C-alpha atoms as a PDB file:
ATOM      1  CA  MET A   1      12.813   5.259   0.108  1.00  0.00           C
ATOM      2  CA  SER A   2      10.270   5.708  -2.678  1.00  0.00           C
ATOM      3  CA  GLY A   3       6.793   4.773  -2.502  1.00  0.00           C
ATOM      4  CA  PHE A   4       3.244   5.111  -3.641  1.00  0.00           C
ATOM      5  CA  VAL A   5       2.804   8.156  -1.174  1.00  0.00           C
ATOM      6  CA  THR A   6       5.832   9.816   0.317  1.00  0.00           C
ATOM      7  CA  ILE A   7       5.659  12.427   2.878  1.00  0.00           C
ATOM      8  CA  SER A   8       8.976  14.216   3.835  1.00  0.00           C
ATOM      9  CA  GLY A   9       9.713  16.884   6.415  1.00  0.00           C
ATOM     10  CA  LEU A  10       5.934  17.830   6.527  1.00  0.00           C
ATOM     11  CA  THR A  11       5.429  20.913   8.739  1.00  0.00           C
ATOM     12  CA  VAL A  12       2.359  22.960   9.582  1.00  0.00           C
ATOM     13  CA  ASP A  13       2.282  26.255  11.321  1.00  0.00           C
ATOM     14  CA  PHE A  14      -0.874  28.226  12.407  1.00  0.00           C
ATOM     15  CA  PRO A  15      -0.564  32.007  13.417  1.00  0.00           C
ATOM     16  CA  ALA A  16      -1.846  32.438  16.883  1.00  0.00           C
ATOM     17  CA  GLY A  17      -1.778  36.100  17.477  1.00  0.00           C
ATOM     18  CA  PRO A  18       1.776  37.387  18.045  1.00  0.00           C
ATOM     19  CA  ARG A  19       2.747  33.573  18.289  1.00  0.00           C
ATOM     20  CA  VAL A  20       3.000  30.718  15.726  1.00  0.00           C
ATOM     21  CA  ALA A  21       1.676  27.418  16.604  1.00  0.00           C
ATOM     22  CA  ARG A  22       3.768  24.445  14.970  1.00  0.00           C
ATOM     23  CA  ALA A  23       1.231  21.630  14.620  1.00  0.00           C
ATOM     24  CA  LEU A  24       3.583  19.461  12.604  1.00  0.00           C
ATOM     25  CA  ARG A  25       7.400  19.374  13.155  1.00  0.00           C
ATOM     26  CA  GLY A  26       8.495  17.426  10.234  1.00  0.00           C
ATOM     27  CA  VAL A  27       6.607  14.360   9.509  1.00  0.00           C
ATOM     28  CA  ASP A  28       8.193  11.524   7.485  1.00  0.00           C
ATOM     29  CA  LEU A  29       6.146   8.649   6.332  1.00  0.00           C
ATOM     30  CA  THR A  30       6.282   6.393   3.204  1.00  0.00           C
ATOM     31  CA  LEU A  31       3.296   4.249   2.001  1.00  0.00           C
ATOM     32  CA  ALA A  32       3.519   1.280  -0.391  1.00  0.00           C
ATOM     33  CA  ARG A  33       0.671   0.377  -2.843  1.00  0.00           C
ATOM     34  CA  GLY A  34      -1.791  -1.770  -1.122  1.00  0.00           C
ATOM     35  CA  GLU A  35      -0.248  -1.326   2.234  1.00  0.00           C
ATOM     36  CA  ALA A  36      -2.248  -0.899   5.600  1.00  0.00           C
ATOM     37  CA  VAL A  37      -0.550   1.545   7.980  1.00  0.00           C
ATOM     38  CA  GLY A  38      -1.772   2.583  11.572  1.00  0.00           C
ATOM     39  CA  LEU A  39      -1.242   6.138  12.545  1.00  0.00           C
ATOM     40  CA  VAL A  40      -1.599   6.132  16.225  1.00  0.00           C
ATOM     41  CA  GLY A  41      -1.155   8.632  19.181  1.00  0.00           C
ATOM     42  CA  GLU A  42      -3.106  10.819  21.706  1.00  0.00           C
ATOM     43  CA  SER A  43      -5.597  13.449  20.565  1.00  0.00           C
ATOM     44  CA  GLY A  44      -3.675  16.658  19.511  1.00  0.00           C
ATOM     45  CA  CYS A  45      -0.547  14.586  18.290  1.00  0.00           C
ATOM     46  CA  GLY A  46      -1.177  15.706  14.665  1.00  0.00           C
ATOM     47  CA  LYS A  47      -2.583  12.592  13.201  1.00  0.00           C
ATOM     48  CA  SER A  48      -5.514  14.024  11.457  1.00  0.00           C
ATOM     49  CA  VAL A  49      -3.554  17.439  10.521  1.00  0.00           C
ATOM     50  CA  THR A  50      -0.870  15.312   8.630  1.00  0.00           C
ATOM     51  CA  TRP A  51      -3.465  14.139   6.019  1.00  0.00           C
ATOM     52  CA  LEU A  52      -5.426  17.301   5.870  1.00  0.00           C
ATOM     53  CA  ALA A  53      -2.227  19.018   5.000  1.00  0.00           C
ATOM     54  CA  ALA A  54      -1.297  16.358   2.588  1.00  0.00           C
ATOM     55  CA  LEU A  55      -4.662  16.713   0.730  1.00  0.00           C
ATOM     56  CA  GLY A  56      -4.824  20.634   0.882  1.00  0.00           C
ATOM     57  CA  LEU A  57      -7.787  20.579   3.178  1.00  0.00           C
ATOM     58  CA  LEU A  58      -6.313  23.075   5.898  1.00  0.00           C
ATOM     59  CA  PRO A  59      -7.602  26.588   6.064  1.00  0.00           C
ATOM     60  CA  GLY A  60      -5.576  29.248   3.903  1.00  0.00           C
ATOM     61  CA  ARG A  61      -3.868  30.604   7.127  1.00  0.00           C
ATOM     62  CA  ALA A  62      -1.984  27.441   7.682  1.00  0.00           C
ATOM     63  CA  ARG A  63       1.704  27.563   6.555  1.00  0.00           C
ATOM     64  CA  ILE A  64       2.733  24.291   5.092  1.00  0.00           C
ATOM     65  CA  GLY A  65       6.202  23.117   4.368  1.00  0.00           C
ATOM     66  CA  GLY A  66       8.068  19.968   3.208  1.00  0.00           C
ATOM     67  CA  SER A  67       6.896  17.734   0.415  1.00  0.00           C
ATOM     68  CA  VAL A  68       3.915  15.203  -0.175  1.00  0.00           C
ATOM     69  CA  ARG A  69       4.471  13.007  -3.216  1.00  0.00           C
ATOM     70  CA  LEU A  70       1.978  10.651  -5.009  1.00  0.00           C
ATOM     71  CA  GLU A  71       3.973   8.485  -7.110  1.00  0.00           C
ATOM     72  CA  GLY A  72       6.442  11.364  -7.594  1.00  0.00           C
ATOM     73  CA  GLN A  73       3.754  14.001  -8.224  1.00  0.00           C
ATOM     74  CA  GLU A  74       4.110  16.840  -5.751  1.00  0.00           C
ATOM     75  CA  LEU A  75       0.793  17.803  -4.124  1.00  0.00           C
ATOM     76  CA  LEU A  76       1.881  20.625  -1.755  1.00  0.00           C
ATOM     77  CA  GLY A  77       1.290  23.677  -3.509  1.00  0.00           C
ATOM     78  CA  ALA A  78      -0.253  22.012  -6.480  1.00  0.00           C
ATOM     79  CA  PRO A  79      -3.145  23.874  -8.507  1.00  0.00           C
ATOM     80  CA  ALA A  80      -6.581  23.304  -7.422  1.00  0.00           C
ATOM     81  CA  ALA A  81      -7.512  21.384 -10.447  1.00  0.00           C
ATOM     82  CA  GLN A  82      -4.536  18.845  -9.797  1.00  0.00           C
ATOM     83  CA  LEU A  83      -5.563  18.420  -6.152  1.00  0.00           C
ATOM     84  CA  GLU A  84      -9.323  17.805  -7.187  1.00  0.00           C
ATOM     85  CA  ALA A  85      -7.994  15.073  -9.649  1.00  0.00           C
ATOM     86  CA  VAL A  86      -6.533  13.437  -6.586  1.00  0.00           C
ATOM     87  CA  ARG A  87      -8.969  14.040  -3.861  1.00  0.00           C
ATOM     88  CA  GLY A  88     -11.736  11.529  -3.734  1.00  0.00           C
ATOM     89  CA  ARG A  89     -10.515   9.647  -6.853  1.00  0.00           C
ATOM     90  CA  ARG A  90      -6.959   8.609  -6.121  1.00  0.00           C
ATOM     91  CA  ILE A  91      -6.992   9.389  -2.349  1.00  0.00           C
ATOM     92  CA  ALA A  92     -10.287   9.330  -0.401  1.00  0.00           C
ATOM     93  CA  MET A  93     -10.592  10.147   3.335  1.00  0.00           C
ATOM     94  CA  ILE A  94     -13.193   9.181   5.924  1.00  0.00           C
ATOM     95  CA  PHE A  95     -13.601  11.952   8.442  1.00  0.00           C
ATOM     96  CA  GLN A  96     -13.983  11.360  12.242  1.00  0.00           C
ATOM     97  CA  ASP A  97     -17.580  12.354  12.844  1.00  0.00           C
ATOM     98  CA  PRO A  98     -20.123  11.153  10.131  1.00  0.00           C
ATOM     99  CA  ALA A  99     -22.888  13.211  11.577  1.00  0.00           C
ATOM    100  CA  ALA A 100     -20.914  16.462  10.988  1.00  0.00           C
ATOM    101  CA  SER A 101     -19.671  15.240   7.600  1.00  0.00           C
ATOM    102  CA  LEU A 102     -22.885  14.439   5.875  1.00  0.00           C
ATOM    103  CA  ASN A 103     -25.299  17.298   5.014  1.00  0.00           C
ATOM    104  CA  PRO A 104     -28.405  16.878   7.314  1.00  0.00           C
ATOM    105  CA  VAL A 105     -30.705  18.461   4.780  1.00  0.00           C
ATOM    106  CA  LYS A 106     -29.826  16.224   1.796  1.00  0.00           C
ATOM    107  CA  ARG A 107     -30.855  12.763   1.236  1.00  0.00           C
ATOM    108  CA  ILE A 108     -28.287   9.833   1.456  1.00  0.00           C
ATOM    109  CA  GLY A 109     -28.871   9.148  -2.199  1.00  0.00           C
ATOM    110  CA  LYS A 110     -28.333  12.758  -3.278  1.00  0.00           C
ATOM    111  CA  GLN A 111     -24.909  13.028  -1.334  1.00  0.00           C
ATOM    112  CA  LEU A 112     -23.857   9.755  -2.559  1.00  0.00           C
ATOM    113  CA  GLY A 113     -24.859  10.509  -6.048  1.00  0.00           C
ATOM    114  CA  GLU A 114     -23.002  13.701  -6.148  1.00  0.00           C
ATOM    115  CA  ALA A 115     -19.748  11.844  -5.429  1.00  0.00           C
ATOM    116  CA  LEU A 116     -20.367   9.426  -8.235  1.00  0.00           C
ATOM    117  CA  VAL A 117     -21.172  12.190 -10.746  1.00  0.00           C
ATOM    118  CA  LEU A 118     -18.091  14.108  -9.707  1.00  0.00           C
ATOM    119  CA  HIS A 119     -15.511  11.309  -9.463  1.00  0.00           C
ATOM    120  CA  ARG A 120     -16.837   8.979 -12.012  1.00  0.00           C
ATOM    121  CA  GLY A 121     -18.814  11.097 -14.450  1.00  0.00           C
ATOM    122  CA  LEU A 122     -21.866   9.029 -14.158  1.00  0.00           C
ATOM    123  CA  SER A 123     -25.297  10.004 -15.284  1.00  0.00           C
ATOM    124  CA  ARG A 124     -28.207  10.684 -12.648  1.00  0.00           C
ATOM    125  CA  ASP A 125     -29.917   7.281 -13.290  1.00  0.00           C
ATOM    126  CA  ALA A 126     -26.573   5.372 -13.298  1.00  0.00           C
ATOM    127  CA  ALA A 127     -25.475   7.262 -10.272  1.00  0.00           C
ATOM    128  CA  TRP A 128     -28.652   6.210  -8.328  1.00  0.00           C
ATOM    129  CA  THR A 129     -28.038   2.468  -9.465  1.00  0.00           C
ATOM    130  CA  GLU A 130     -24.308   2.513  -8.349  1.00  0.00           C
ATOM    131  CA  ALA A 131     -25.239   4.450  -5.059  1.00  0.00           C
ATOM    132  CA  ALA A 132     -27.540   1.483  -4.173  1.00  0.00           C
ATOM    133  CA  ARG A 133     -24.785  -0.923  -4.979  1.00  0.00           C
ATOM    134  CA  LEU A 134     -22.414   0.965  -2.864  1.00  0.00           C
ATOM    135  CA  LEU A 135     -24.787   0.999   0.257  1.00  0.00           C
ATOM    136  CA  ASP A 136     -25.369  -2.830  -0.301  1.00  0.00           C
ATOM    137  CA  ARG A 137     -21.572  -3.434  -0.573  1.00  0.00           C
ATOM    138  CA  VAL A 138     -20.916  -1.656   2.698  1.00  0.00           C
ATOM    139  CA  GLY A 139     -23.570  -3.812   4.490  1.00  0.00           C
ATOM    140  CA  ILE A 140     -26.490  -1.532   4.523  1.00  0.00           C
ATOM    141  CA  ALA A 141     -29.680  -3.672   4.187  1.00  0.00           C
ATOM    142  CA  ASP A 142     -32.723  -2.389   1.900  1.00  0.00           C
ATOM    143  CA  ALA A 143     -30.198  -0.049   0.301  1.00  0.00           C
ATOM    144  CA  ARG A 144     -32.677   1.551  -2.168  1.00  0.00           C
ATOM    145  CA  ARG A 145     -34.942   2.614   0.436  1.00  0.00           C
ATOM    146  CA  ARG A 146     -32.094   4.157   2.401  1.00  0.00           C
ATOM    147  CA  LEU A 147     -31.198   6.373  -0.293  1.00  0.00           C
ATOM    148  CA  ASP A 148     -34.392   8.318   0.230  1.00  0.00           C
ATOM    149  CA  GLU A 149     -33.613   8.849   3.870  1.00  0.00           C
ATOM    150  CA  TYR A 150     -31.648  11.723   5.672  1.00  0.00           C
ATOM    151  CA  PRO A 151     -28.699  11.198   7.925  1.00  0.00           C
ATOM    152  CA  HIS A 152     -30.724  11.766  11.199  1.00  0.00           C
ATOM    153  CA  GLN A 153     -32.783   8.556  10.253  1.00  0.00           C
ATOM    154  CA  LEU A 154     -29.761   6.372  10.377  1.00  0.00           C
ATOM    155  CA  SER A 155     -27.691   5.210  13.394  1.00  0.00           C
ATOM    156  CA  GLY A 156     -24.203   6.191  13.941  1.00  0.00           C
ATOM    157  CA  GLY A 157     -22.940   2.928  12.493  1.00  0.00           C
ATOM    158  CA  MET A 158     -25.052   3.225   9.322  1.00  0.00           C
ATOM    159  CA  ASN A 159     -23.867   6.722   8.870  1.00  0.00           C
ATOM    160  CA  GLN A 160     -20.384   5.593   9.147  1.00  0.00           C
ATOM    161  CA  ARG A 161     -21.108   2.856   6.423  1.00  0.00           C
ATOM    162  CA  VAL A 162     -22.463   5.693   4.242  1.00  0.00           C
ATOM    163  CA  MET A 163     -19.252   7.729   4.709  1.00  0.00           C
ATOM    164  CA  ILE A 164     -17.285   4.605   3.568  1.00  0.00           C
ATOM    165  CA  ALA A 165     -19.448   4.157   0.575  1.00  0.00           C
ATOM    166  CA  THR A 166     -18.981   7.735  -0.320  1.00  0.00           C
ATOM    167  CA  ALA A 167     -15.085   7.423  -0.041  1.00  0.00           C
ATOM    168  CA  LEU A 168     -15.351   4.419  -2.243  1.00  0.00           C
ATOM    169  CA  ALA A 169     -17.310   6.249  -4.986  1.00  0.00           C
ATOM    170  CA  GLY A 170     -14.309   7.353  -6.490  1.00  0.00           C
ATOM    171  CA  GLU A 171     -12.658   3.942  -6.433  1.00  0.00           C
ATOM    172  CA  PRO A 172      -9.622   5.280  -4.706  1.00  0.00           C
ATOM    173  CA  GLU A 173      -6.171   3.679  -4.517  1.00  0.00           C
ATOM    174  CA  LEU A 174      -5.623   5.018  -0.986  1.00  0.00           C
ATOM    175  CA  LEU A 175      -8.314   5.308   1.732  1.00  0.00           C
ATOM    176  CA  VAL A 176      -7.489   7.433   4.767  1.00  0.00           C
ATOM    177  CA  ALA A 177      -9.962   6.380   7.489  1.00  0.00           C
ATOM    178  CA  ASP A 178      -9.903   9.052  10.274  1.00  0.00           C
ATOM    179  CA  GLU A 179     -11.065   7.581  13.697  1.00  0.00           C
ATOM    180  CA  PRO A 180     -13.655   5.478  11.767  1.00  0.00           C
ATOM    181  CA  THR A 181     -14.960   3.843  14.906  1.00  0.00           C
ATOM    182  CA  THR A 182     -15.294   6.830  17.063  1.00  0.00           C
ATOM    183  CA  ALA A 183     -18.372   6.934  19.345  1.00  0.00           C
ATOM    184  CA  LEU A 184     -19.374   3.513  18.079  1.00  0.00           C
ATOM    185  CA  ASP A 185     -20.189   0.487  20.558  1.00  0.00           C
ATOM    186  CA  ALA A 186     -17.817  -2.304  20.510  1.00  0.00           C
ATOM    187  CA  THR A 187     -19.810  -4.727  18.346  1.00  0.00           C
ATOM    188  CA  ILE A 188     -20.329  -1.888  15.436  1.00  0.00           C
ATOM    189  CA  GLN A 189     -16.582  -0.985  15.911  1.00  0.00           C
ATOM    190  CA  ALA A 190     -15.648  -4.654  15.011  1.00  0.00           C
ATOM    191  CA  GLN A 191     -18.084  -4.543  12.040  1.00  0.00           C
ATOM    192  CA  ILE A 192     -16.684  -1.339  10.544  1.00  0.00           C
ATOM    193  CA  LEU A 193     -12.999  -2.811  11.049  1.00  0.00           C
ATOM    194  CA  ASP A 194     -14.135  -6.048   9.237  1.00  0.00           C
ATOM    195  CA  LEU A 195     -15.644  -3.948   6.575  1.00  0.00           C
ATOM    196  CA  LEU A 196     -12.643  -2.148   5.775  1.00  0.00           C
ATOM    197  CA  ALA A 197     -10.460  -5.276   5.760  1.00  0.00           C
ATOM    198  CA  ARG A 198     -12.849  -6.940   3.465  1.00  0.00           C
ATOM    199  CA  LEU A 199     -13.014  -3.827   1.150  1.00  0.00           C
ATOM    200  CA  ARG A 200      -9.140  -3.730   0.912  1.00  0.00           C
ATOM    201  CA  ALA A 201      -8.991  -7.509   0.145  1.00  0.00           C
ATOM    202  CA  GLU A 202     -11.485  -6.981  -2.774  1.00  0.00           C
ATOM    203  CA  THR A 203     -10.155  -3.692  -4.191  1.00  0.00           C
ATOM    204  CA  GLY A 204      -6.330  -3.815  -3.330  1.00  0.00           C
ATOM    205  CA  MET A 205      -6.385  -0.274  -2.154  1.00  0.00           C
ATOM    206  CA  ALA A 206      -3.826   1.016   0.519  1.00  0.00           C
ATOM    207  CA  MET A 207      -5.273   2.355   3.923  1.00  0.00           C
ATOM    208  CA  VAL A 208      -4.106   4.590   6.463  1.00  0.00           C
ATOM    209  CA  LEU A 209      -5.994   3.925   9.774  1.00  0.00           C
ATOM    210  CA  ILE A 210      -5.801   6.959  12.250  1.00  0.00           C
ATOM    211  CA  SER A 211      -6.600   6.160  15.735  1.00  0.00           C
ATOM    212  CA  HIS A 212      -5.651   6.814  19.243  1.00  0.00           C
ATOM    213  CA  ASP A 213      -6.440   3.389  20.217  1.00  0.00           C
ATOM    214  CA  LEU A 214      -3.292   0.923  19.412  1.00  0.00           C
ATOM    215  CA  GLY A 215      -6.037  -1.933  19.979  1.00  0.00           C
ATOM    216  CA  VAL A 216      -7.900  -0.794  17.065  1.00  0.00           C
ATOM    217  CA  VAL A 217      -4.937  -0.989  14.600  1.00  0.00           C
ATOM    218  CA  ALA A 218      -3.493  -4.187  15.978  1.00  0.00           C
ATOM    219  CA  GLU A 219      -4.933  -6.551  13.362  1.00  0.00           C
ATOM    220  CA  ALA A 220      -6.082  -4.179  10.745  1.00  0.00           C
ATOM    221  CA  CYS A 221      -2.593  -2.921   9.936  1.00  0.00           C
ATOM    222  CA  ALA A 222       0.834  -4.477   8.978  1.00  0.00           C
ATOM    223  CA  ARG A 223       2.830  -1.431  10.099  1.00  0.00           C
ATOM    224  CA  ILE A 224       2.300   1.164  12.730  1.00  0.00           C
ATOM    225  CA  ALA A 225       3.698   4.565  12.990  1.00  0.00           C
ATOM    226  CA  VAL A 226       3.378   6.429  16.504  1.00  0.00           C
ATOM    227  CA  MET A 227       3.025  10.192  16.475  1.00  0.00           C
ATOM    228  CA  TYR A 228       3.775  12.418  19.360  1.00  0.00           C
ATOM    229  CA  ALA A 229       3.512  16.267  19.397  1.00  0.00           C
ATOM    230  CA  GLY A 230       3.443  16.797  15.607  1.00  0.00           C
ATOM    231  CA  THR A 231       6.157  14.119  14.665  1.00  0.00           C
ATOM    232  CA  ILE A 232       6.433  10.253  14.120  1.00  0.00           C
ATOM    233  CA  ILE A 233       8.631   8.934  17.089  1.00  0.00           C
ATOM    234  CA  GLU A 234       8.412   5.237  16.178  1.00  0.00           C
ATOM    235  CA  GLU A 235       7.557   3.141  13.311  1.00  0.00           C
ATOM    236  CA  ALA A 236       7.696  -0.692  12.892  1.00  0.00           C
ATOM    237  CA  ALA A 237       5.776  -3.677  11.811  1.00  0.00           C
ATOM    238  CA  ALA A 238       2.895  -4.179  14.041  1.00  0.00           C
ATOM    239  CA  ALA A 239       3.845  -7.479  15.396  1.00  0.00           C
ATOM    240  CA  ASP A 240       7.382  -6.008  16.330  1.00  0.00           C
ATOM    241  CA  LEU A 241       5.887  -2.921  17.862  1.00  0.00           C
ATOM    242  CA  PHE A 242       3.558  -4.697  20.085  1.00  0.00           C
ATOM    243  CA  ALA A 243       6.286  -7.299  21.072  1.00  0.00           C
ATOM    244  CA  ASN A 244       9.250  -5.016  21.381  1.00  0.00           C
ATOM    245  CA  PRO A 245       8.303  -1.256  21.633  1.00  0.00           C
ATOM    246  CA  ARG A 246      11.459   1.013  22.156  1.00  0.00           C
ATOM    247  CA  HIS A 247      10.135   4.428  22.603  1.00  0.00           C
ATOM    248  CA  PRO A 248       8.970   5.450  26.177  1.00  0.00           C
ATOM    249  CA  TYR A 249       5.845   6.736  24.773  1.00  0.00           C
ATOM    250  CA  THR A 250       4.970   3.711  22.728  1.00  0.00           C
ATOM    251  CA  ARG A 251       5.605   1.728  26.061  1.00  0.00           C
ATOM    252  CA  GLY A 252       3.177   4.053  27.898  1.00  0.00           C
ATOM    253  CA  LEU A 253       0.505   3.643  25.290  1.00  0.00           C
ATOM    254  CA  LEU A 254       0.674  -0.088  25.576  1.00  0.00           C
ATOM    255  CA  ALA A 255       0.887  -0.191  29.325  1.00  0.00           C
ATOM    256  CA  ALA A 256      -2.395   1.706  29.334  1.00  0.00           C
ATOM    257  CA  LEU A 257      -4.252  -1.287  27.291  1.00  0.00           C
ATOM    258  CA  PRO A 258      -6.047  -3.668  29.667  1.00  0.00           C
ATOM    259  CA  SER A 259      -5.065  -7.359  29.249  1.00  0.00           C
ATOM    260  CA  ILE A 260      -7.693  -9.973  28.528  1.00  0.00           C
ATOM    261  CA  ASP A 261      -5.792 -12.906  30.038  1.00  0.00           C
ATOM    262  CA  GLY A 262      -3.308 -13.131  32.984  1.00  0.00           C
ATOM    263  CA  PRO A 263      -3.620 -11.598  36.279  1.00  0.00           C
ATOM    264  CA  LYS A 264      -5.437  -8.422  37.028  1.00  0.00           C
ATOM    265  CA  ARG A 265      -3.363  -5.368  37.176  1.00  0.00           C
ATOM    266  CA  ARG A 266      -3.471  -1.559  37.592  1.00  0.00           C
ATOM    267  CA  LEU A 267      -3.176   0.084  34.166  1.00  0.00           C
ATOM    268  CA  ALA A 268      -0.272   2.561  34.189  1.00  0.00           C
ATOM    269  CA  ALA A 269      -1.292   5.938  32.870  1.00  0.00           C
ATOM    270  CA  ILE A 270       1.060   8.388  31.041  1.00  0.00           C
ATOM    271  CA  PRO A 271       1.548  11.447  33.440  1.00  0.00           C
ATOM    272  CA  GLY A 272       0.707  14.769  31.895  1.00  0.00           C
ATOM    273  CA  THR A 273      -0.782  15.773  28.795  1.00  0.00           C
ATOM    274  CA  VAL A 274       0.468  16.411  25.109  1.00  0.00           C
ATOM    275  CA  PRO A 275       1.888  19.743  25.049  1.00  0.00           C
ATOM    276  CA  GLU A 276       0.126  22.570  23.053  1.00  0.00           C
ATOM    277  CA  PRO A 277       1.904  23.400  19.760  1.00  0.00           C
ATOM    278  CA  TRP A 278       2.831  26.789  21.011  1.00  0.00           C
ATOM    279  CA  SER A 279       4.269  25.640  24.371  1.00  0.00           C
ATOM    280  CA  GLN A 280       6.741  22.922  23.456  1.00  0.00           C
ATOM    281  CA  ALA A 281      10.065  23.007  25.173  1.00  0.00           C
ATOM    282  CA  PRO A 282      13.089  22.764  22.994  1.00  0.00           C
ATOM    283  CA  GLY A 283      14.354  19.134  22.770  1.00  0.00           C
ATOM    284  CA  CYS A 284      12.368  16.005  23.090  1.00  0.00           C
ATOM    285  CA  ALA A 285       8.745  16.963  23.364  1.00  0.00           C
ATOM    286  CA  PHE A 286       8.065  13.898  25.456  1.00  0.00           C
ATOM    287  CA  ALA A 287      10.731  14.541  27.980  1.00  0.00           C
ATOM    288  CA  PRO A 288       8.399  16.307  30.559  1.00  0.00           C
ATOM    289  CA  ARG A 289       6.447  13.096  30.690  1.00  0.00           C
ATOM    290  CA  CYS A 290       9.121  10.548  30.466  1.00  0.00           C
ATOM    291  CA  ALA A 291      10.635   8.575  33.315  1.00  0.00           C
ATOM    292  CA  TYR A 292      13.693   7.863  31.306  1.00  0.00           C
ATOM    293  CA  ALA A 293      14.563  11.486  30.443  1.00  0.00           C
ATOM    294  CA  ASP A 294      18.085  12.936  31.187  1.00  0.00           C
ATOM    295  CA  ALA A 295      20.237  15.849  30.118  1.00  0.00           C
ATOM    296  CA  ARG A 296      20.652  14.464  26.512  1.00  0.00           C
ATOM    297  CA  CYS A 297      16.764  15.037  26.010  1.00  0.00           C
ATOM    298  CA  ALA A 298      17.339  18.744  25.780  1.00  0.00           C
ATOM    299  CA  THR A 299      18.353  18.102  22.241  1.00  0.00           C
ATOM    300  CA  PRO A 300      15.846  16.686  19.749  1.00  0.00           C
ATOM    301  CA  PRO A 301      16.516  13.145  19.181  1.00  0.00           C
ATOM    302  CA  ALA A 302      16.926  11.787  15.636  1.00  0.00           C
ATOM    303  CA  MET A 303      15.272   8.749  14.227  1.00  0.00           C
ATOM    304  CA  GLN A 304      17.438   5.835  14.453  1.00  0.00           C
ATOM    305  CA  ALA A 305      17.296   2.257  13.084  1.00  0.00           C
ATOM    306  CA  ILE A 306      16.937  -0.383  15.690  1.00  0.00           C
ATOM    307  CA  ALA A 307      16.060  -3.378  13.447  1.00  0.00           C
ATOM    308  CA  PRO A 308      15.034  -3.908   9.949  1.00  0.00           C
ATOM    309  CA  GLY A 309      11.815  -1.922   9.335  1.00  0.00           C
ATOM    310  CA  HIS A 310      11.935  -0.734  13.085  1.00  0.00           C
ATOM    311  CA  GLN A 311      13.128   2.776  13.908  1.00  0.00           C
ATOM    312  CA  ALA A 312      12.612   5.215  16.825  1.00  0.00           C
ATOM    313  CA  ALA A 313      13.620   8.608  17.947  1.00  0.00           C
ATOM    314  CA  CYS A 314      14.850   8.416  21.451  1.00  0.00           C
ATOM    315  CA  HIS A 315      18.209   9.177  23.191  1.00  0.00           C
ATOM    316  CA  ARG A 316      17.411   6.471  25.679  1.00  0.00           C
ATOM    317  CA  ILE A 317      16.467   3.508  23.649  1.00  0.00           C
ATOM    318  CA  ASP A 318      19.090   1.211  25.273  1.00  0.00           C
ATOM    319  CA  ALA A 319      18.032   2.249  28.671  1.00  0.00           C
ATOM    320  CA  VAL A 320      14.309   1.545  27.835  1.00  0.00           C
ATOM    321  CA  GLN A 321      15.243  -1.890  26.411  1.00  0.00           C
ATOM    322  CA  ALA A 322      17.525  -2.664  29.552  1.00  0.00           C
ATOM    323  CA  MET A 323      14.731  -1.890  31.992  1.00  0.00           C
ATOM    324  CA  ALA A 324      12.154  -3.816  30.166  1.00  0.00           C
ATOM    325  CA  ALA A 325      14.401  -6.979  29.952  1.00  0.00           C
END
C-alpha cells in the first residue's frame, strides 16, 4: 500500500565485536497524510531506532537495509543534502529527554532561533519574533522573557514544550514524538498530549507517537502498531486493538493496565524480558514468554490479515481468540 511515508523491510544491524546485533528485523509501516499512529511496546523493542534509522540519525557503524520512502522519495542512503531538506522541514522529531536534547549553555531563544533560520530562512529579528510566537503557541506564558532563559531555569514540562516548539519551527508535515511525556507527572502529561492533539488539528500534520504505554496512545492515535523485538507484530485501528487484541503480546500489555472501574484485580505481568538483539532464538521472538507457544513457533510467523485494517503475526491467533472468548 502506498502512503505519505512508507517503511518496507527495514533492518538495522550493529556490530558487537565478533557478533552482529540485529536491532530491527524487517519493519513494515505505512503512514497517510494527517494520520496519527501510535507505536508501542516495551523498552528495547526498536521503536526509537526505527525512526532514527529512517531519518539517517544512527551512528555510521549501523548497517541499515530495506526502504524508507517519503512520497516515493527514497531516504535510505540518500545524500546528506537531501536528508537535510527533509529533517526538521518535512519530518521533525521530538526526542525522549528534553534536558539532554537542549543545549544547557545556550538560551532558549538562541536554540529556537537557530531552527527557524535553518529551516525557514528567517532573519535574526524575524526569527526572534517567530520564536516568541511559537512559545506562546505551545502554552508557555510570558514567552519573550522565557527566550532569554536557559533550559535549567524551566521545568521538565516547559522544556518539553520548548522541544515541541522547536519541532514546529520547520512547519513539518510529520511529527515523530518519541516518548514526549517521559518523566512528567500525570497532569503535565495530559497537557502535553492535549497540546499535540490541538497542534495536529490546527496544522493538519501527521504524527507518530512512540510510547511504551498503551494508555498514552489510546485517545491520541487512530491506529496503533505494536512492536516486539525489532518488528511489528500487530497493527489495527485503536478501537479494534483495545476491543479485540489478537497477539499474545498485545494481550499481555493490555492485561498490565489497571482498570479505573469494575472490581479490583491483580495486574498480570508478562514473564521475562525483551530479548537482547544478539541473543534472539530462531522463530517467534515472543515464544519464550508466551503461554500459547507450541512447536510451530520455532518458525517465524508471517503477518496475516484478521479483519479489514487489522493484522497480526502469530501462529496461535485462533487459540488466543478461543481462550479469550
